Amino acid sequence: MGLGKTTWFPHRHNRNGSWDSICVVCFATVATAVVEAELSAKEAAHVCDPGRASHVTTRPLPTVCGR
């Protein structure tokens, strides 16, 4: 996936009742809103900052044995 528009933004519900939208490419908090539905406009306008995305590694996550 190259830099630019992303299509998936997980939402985090904060203790104060607000919602954060997180970019899965650059890990920036794209927007914070009181009503979750208000996040979509900011998500649609988000473009990753190449300076933020460059620190993301592509190393695989460690495997944890469930035994």
N, C-alpha and C. Protein backbone atom coordinates (compact mmCIF):
# COMPACT_ATOMS: atom_id res chain seq x y z
N MET A 1 0.85 -1.18 0.00
CA MET A 1 0.00 0.00 0.00
C MET A 1 0.89 1.23 0.00
N GLY A 2 0.71 2.13 -0.93
CA GLY A 2 1.49 3.35 -0.98
C GLY A 2 0.89 4.43 -0.10
N LEU A 3 1.61 5.52 0.03
CA LEU A 3 1.08 6.64 0.80
C LEU A 3 -0.05 7.31 0.04
N GLY A 4 -0.92 7.93 0.74
CA GLY A 4 -2.07 8.58 0.12
C GLY A 4 -3.32 8.26 0.90
N LYS A 5 -4.40 8.03 0.22
CA LYS A 5 -5.67 7.74 0.87
C LYS A 5 -5.68 6.33 1.44
N THR A 6 -6.18 6.20 2.65
CA THR A 6 -6.38 4.88 3.23
C THR A 6 -7.87 4.63 3.29
N THR A 7 -8.24 3.38 3.41
CA THR A 7 -9.66 3.06 3.38
C THR A 7 -10.18 2.53 4.70
N TRP A 8 -9.30 2.42 5.71
CA TRP A 8 -9.74 1.86 6.97
C TRP A 8 -9.15 2.65 8.13
N PHE A 9 -10.00 3.15 9.00
CA PHE A 9 -9.59 3.93 10.15
C PHE A 9 -10.25 3.36 11.40
N PRO A 10 -9.52 2.61 12.22
CA PRO A 10 -10.12 2.14 13.46
C PRO A 10 -10.51 3.32 14.34
N HIS A 11 -11.55 3.14 15.10
CA HIS A 11 -12.01 4.17 16.02
C HIS A 11 -11.75 3.74 17.46
N ARG A 12 -11.32 4.70 18.27
CA ARG A 12 -11.07 4.45 19.69
C ARG A 12 -12.06 5.30 20.48
N HIS A 13 -12.78 4.66 21.40
CA HIS A 13 -13.73 5.37 22.26
C HIS A 13 -12.99 5.79 23.52
N ASN A 14 -12.92 7.07 23.77
CA ASN A 14 -12.17 7.61 24.90
C ASN A 14 -13.02 7.66 26.17
N ARG A 15 -12.36 7.76 27.30
CA ARG A 15 -13.04 7.80 28.59
C ARG A 15 -14.00 8.98 28.72
N ASN A 16 -13.68 10.08 28.06
CA ASN A 16 -14.53 11.27 28.16
C ASN A 16 -15.72 11.21 27.20
N GLY A 17 -15.88 10.10 26.48
CA GLY A 17 -17.00 9.93 25.57
C GLY A 17 -16.71 10.30 24.14
N SER A 18 -15.57 10.93 23.87
CA SER A 18 -15.22 11.31 22.50
C SER A 18 -14.66 10.10 21.76
N TRP A 19 -14.53 10.26 20.44
CA TRP A 19 -14.02 9.21 19.56
C TRP A 19 -12.79 9.71 18.82
N ASP A 20 -11.78 8.87 18.66
CA ASP A 20 -10.60 9.16 17.85
C ASP A 20 -10.62 8.27 16.63
N SER A 21 -10.14 8.79 15.51
CA SER A 21 -9.96 8.02 14.29
C SER A 21 -8.47 7.91 14.05
N ILE A 22 -7.97 6.68 13.84
CA ILE A 22 -6.54 6.43 13.71
C ILE A 22 -6.24 5.92 12.30
N CYS A 23 -5.22 6.49 11.67
CA CYS A 23 -4.79 6.03 10.35
C CYS A 23 -3.92 4.79 10.53
N VAL A 24 -4.24 3.70 9.81
CA VAL A 24 -3.48 2.46 9.94
C VAL A 24 -2.16 2.49 9.16
N VAL A 25 -1.93 3.52 8.37
CA VAL A 25 -0.68 3.62 7.61
C VAL A 25 0.35 4.45 8.37
N CYS A 26 -0.03 5.64 8.81
CA CYS A 26 0.94 6.53 9.48
C CYS A 26 0.71 6.63 10.98
N PHE A 27 -0.33 5.97 11.48
CA PHE A 27 -0.68 5.92 12.90
C PHE A 27 -0.99 7.29 13.52
N ALA A 28 -1.34 8.25 12.68
CA ALA A 28 -1.75 9.56 13.17
C ALA A 28 -3.19 9.50 13.67
N THR A 29 -3.49 10.31 14.67
CA THR A 29 -4.88 10.52 15.06
C THR A 29 -5.44 11.51 14.05
N VAL A 30 -6.32 11.03 13.20
CA VAL A 30 -6.84 11.83 12.09
C VAL A 30 -7.85 12.85 12.59
N ALA A 31 -8.68 12.46 13.55
CA ALA A 31 -9.71 13.36 14.06
C ALA A 31 -10.19 12.87 15.42
N THR A 32 -10.73 13.79 16.18
CA THR A 32 -11.41 13.49 17.44
C THR A 32 -12.76 14.18 17.37
N ALA A 33 -13.80 13.47 17.76
CA ALA A 33 -15.15 14.03 17.71
C ALA A 33 -15.99 13.47 18.84
N VAL A 34 -17.02 14.22 19.22
CA VAL A 34 -17.95 13.77 20.25
C VAL A 34 -18.90 12.73 19.67
N VAL A 35 -19.28 12.89 18.41
CA VAL A 35 -20.18 11.96 17.73
C VAL A 35 -19.35 11.18 16.72
N GLU A 36 -19.36 9.85 16.82
CA GLU A 36 -18.52 9.01 15.97
C GLU A 36 -18.76 9.26 14.48
N ALA A 37 -19.98 9.52 14.09
CA ALA A 37 -20.31 9.74 12.68
C ALA A 37 -19.60 10.96 12.10
N GLU A 38 -19.17 11.88 12.94
CA GLU A 38 -18.48 13.09 12.46
C GLU A 38 -17.05 12.81 11.99
N LEU A 39 -16.52 11.64 12.28
CA LEU A 39 -15.15 11.32 11.90
C LEU A 39 -14.97 11.09 10.41
N SER A 40 -16.00 10.64 9.73
CA SER A 40 -15.87 10.22 8.33
C SER A 40 -15.39 11.34 7.40
N ALA A 41 -15.80 12.56 7.62
CA ALA A 41 -15.37 13.66 6.75
C ALA A 41 -13.86 13.89 6.86
N LYS A 42 -13.34 13.84 8.07
CA LYS A 42 -11.89 14.01 8.27
C LYS A 42 -11.12 12.82 7.70
N GLU A 43 -11.68 11.61 7.84
CA GLU A 43 -11.03 10.43 7.28
C GLU A 43 -10.94 10.53 5.77
N ALA A 44 -11.98 11.00 5.13
CA ALA A 44 -12.00 11.13 3.66
C ALA A 44 -10.97 12.14 3.18
N ALA A 45 -10.66 13.14 3.99
CA ALA A 45 -9.73 14.18 3.60
C ALA A 45 -8.28 13.88 4.00
N HIS A 46 -8.06 12.82 4.79
CA HIS A 46 -6.72 12.54 5.31
C HIS A 46 -5.76 12.08 4.22
N VAL A 47 -4.57 12.65 4.23
CA VAL A 47 -3.45 12.21 3.40
C VAL A 47 -2.27 12.01 4.35
N CYS A 48 -1.66 10.84 4.30
CA CYS A 48 -0.56 10.53 5.20
C CYS A 48 0.61 11.49 4.98
N ASP A 49 1.24 11.86 6.08
CA ASP A 49 2.46 12.66 6.05
C ASP A 49 3.62 11.69 5.84
N PRO A 50 4.37 11.81 4.75
CA PRO A 50 5.46 10.87 4.49
C PRO A 50 6.48 10.82 5.62
N GLY A 51 6.67 11.90 6.34
CA GLY A 51 7.60 11.92 7.46
C GLY A 51 7.15 11.03 8.60
N ARG A 52 5.85 10.95 8.83
CA ARG A 52 5.32 10.08 9.88
C ARG A 52 5.33 8.63 9.44
N ALA A 53 4.98 8.36 8.20
CA ALA A 53 4.86 6.99 7.72
C ALA A 53 6.22 6.34 7.53
N SER A 54 7.28 7.11 7.38
CA SER A 54 8.60 6.53 7.10
C SER A 54 9.17 5.76 8.28
N HIS A 55 8.67 5.99 9.48
CA HIS A 55 9.21 5.28 10.64
C HIS A 55 8.57 3.90 10.83
N VAL A 56 7.54 3.61 10.06
CA VAL A 56 6.84 2.33 10.20
C VAL A 56 7.71 1.21 9.64
N THR A 57 7.91 0.17 10.42
CA THR A 57 8.72 -0.95 9.95
C THR A 57 7.83 -2.02 9.34
N THR A 58 8.44 -2.87 8.55
CA THR A 58 7.69 -3.96 7.93
C THR A 58 8.09 -5.30 8.53
N ARG A 59 8.77 -5.28 9.69
CA ARG A 59 9.15 -6.53 10.34
C ARG A 59 7.90 -7.27 10.80
N PRO A 60 7.91 -8.60 10.71
CA PRO A 60 6.75 -9.36 11.20
C PRO A 60 6.68 -9.28 12.72
N LEU A 61 5.47 -9.39 13.24
CA LEU A 61 5.29 -9.41 14.69
C LEU A 61 5.79 -10.72 15.26
N PRO A 62 6.30 -10.70 16.50
CA PRO A 62 6.78 -11.96 17.09
C PRO A 62 5.64 -12.94 17.29
N THR A 63 5.93 -14.21 17.14
CA THR A 63 4.94 -15.25 17.34
C THR A 63 4.94 -15.64 18.81
N VAL A 64 3.77 -15.72 19.40
CA VAL A 64 3.62 -16.11 20.79
C VAL A 64 3.01 -17.48 20.85
N CYS A 65 3.66 -18.39 21.54
CA CYS A 65 3.14 -19.74 21.66
C CYS A 65 2.08 -19.79 22.73
N GLY A 66 0.95 -20.40 22.44
CA GLY A 66 -0.15 -20.47 23.38
C GLY A 66 -0.07 -21.65 24.33
N ARG A 67 1.04 -22.37 24.35
CA ARG A 67 1.17 -23.54 25.22
C ARG A 67 1.74 -23.20 26.55
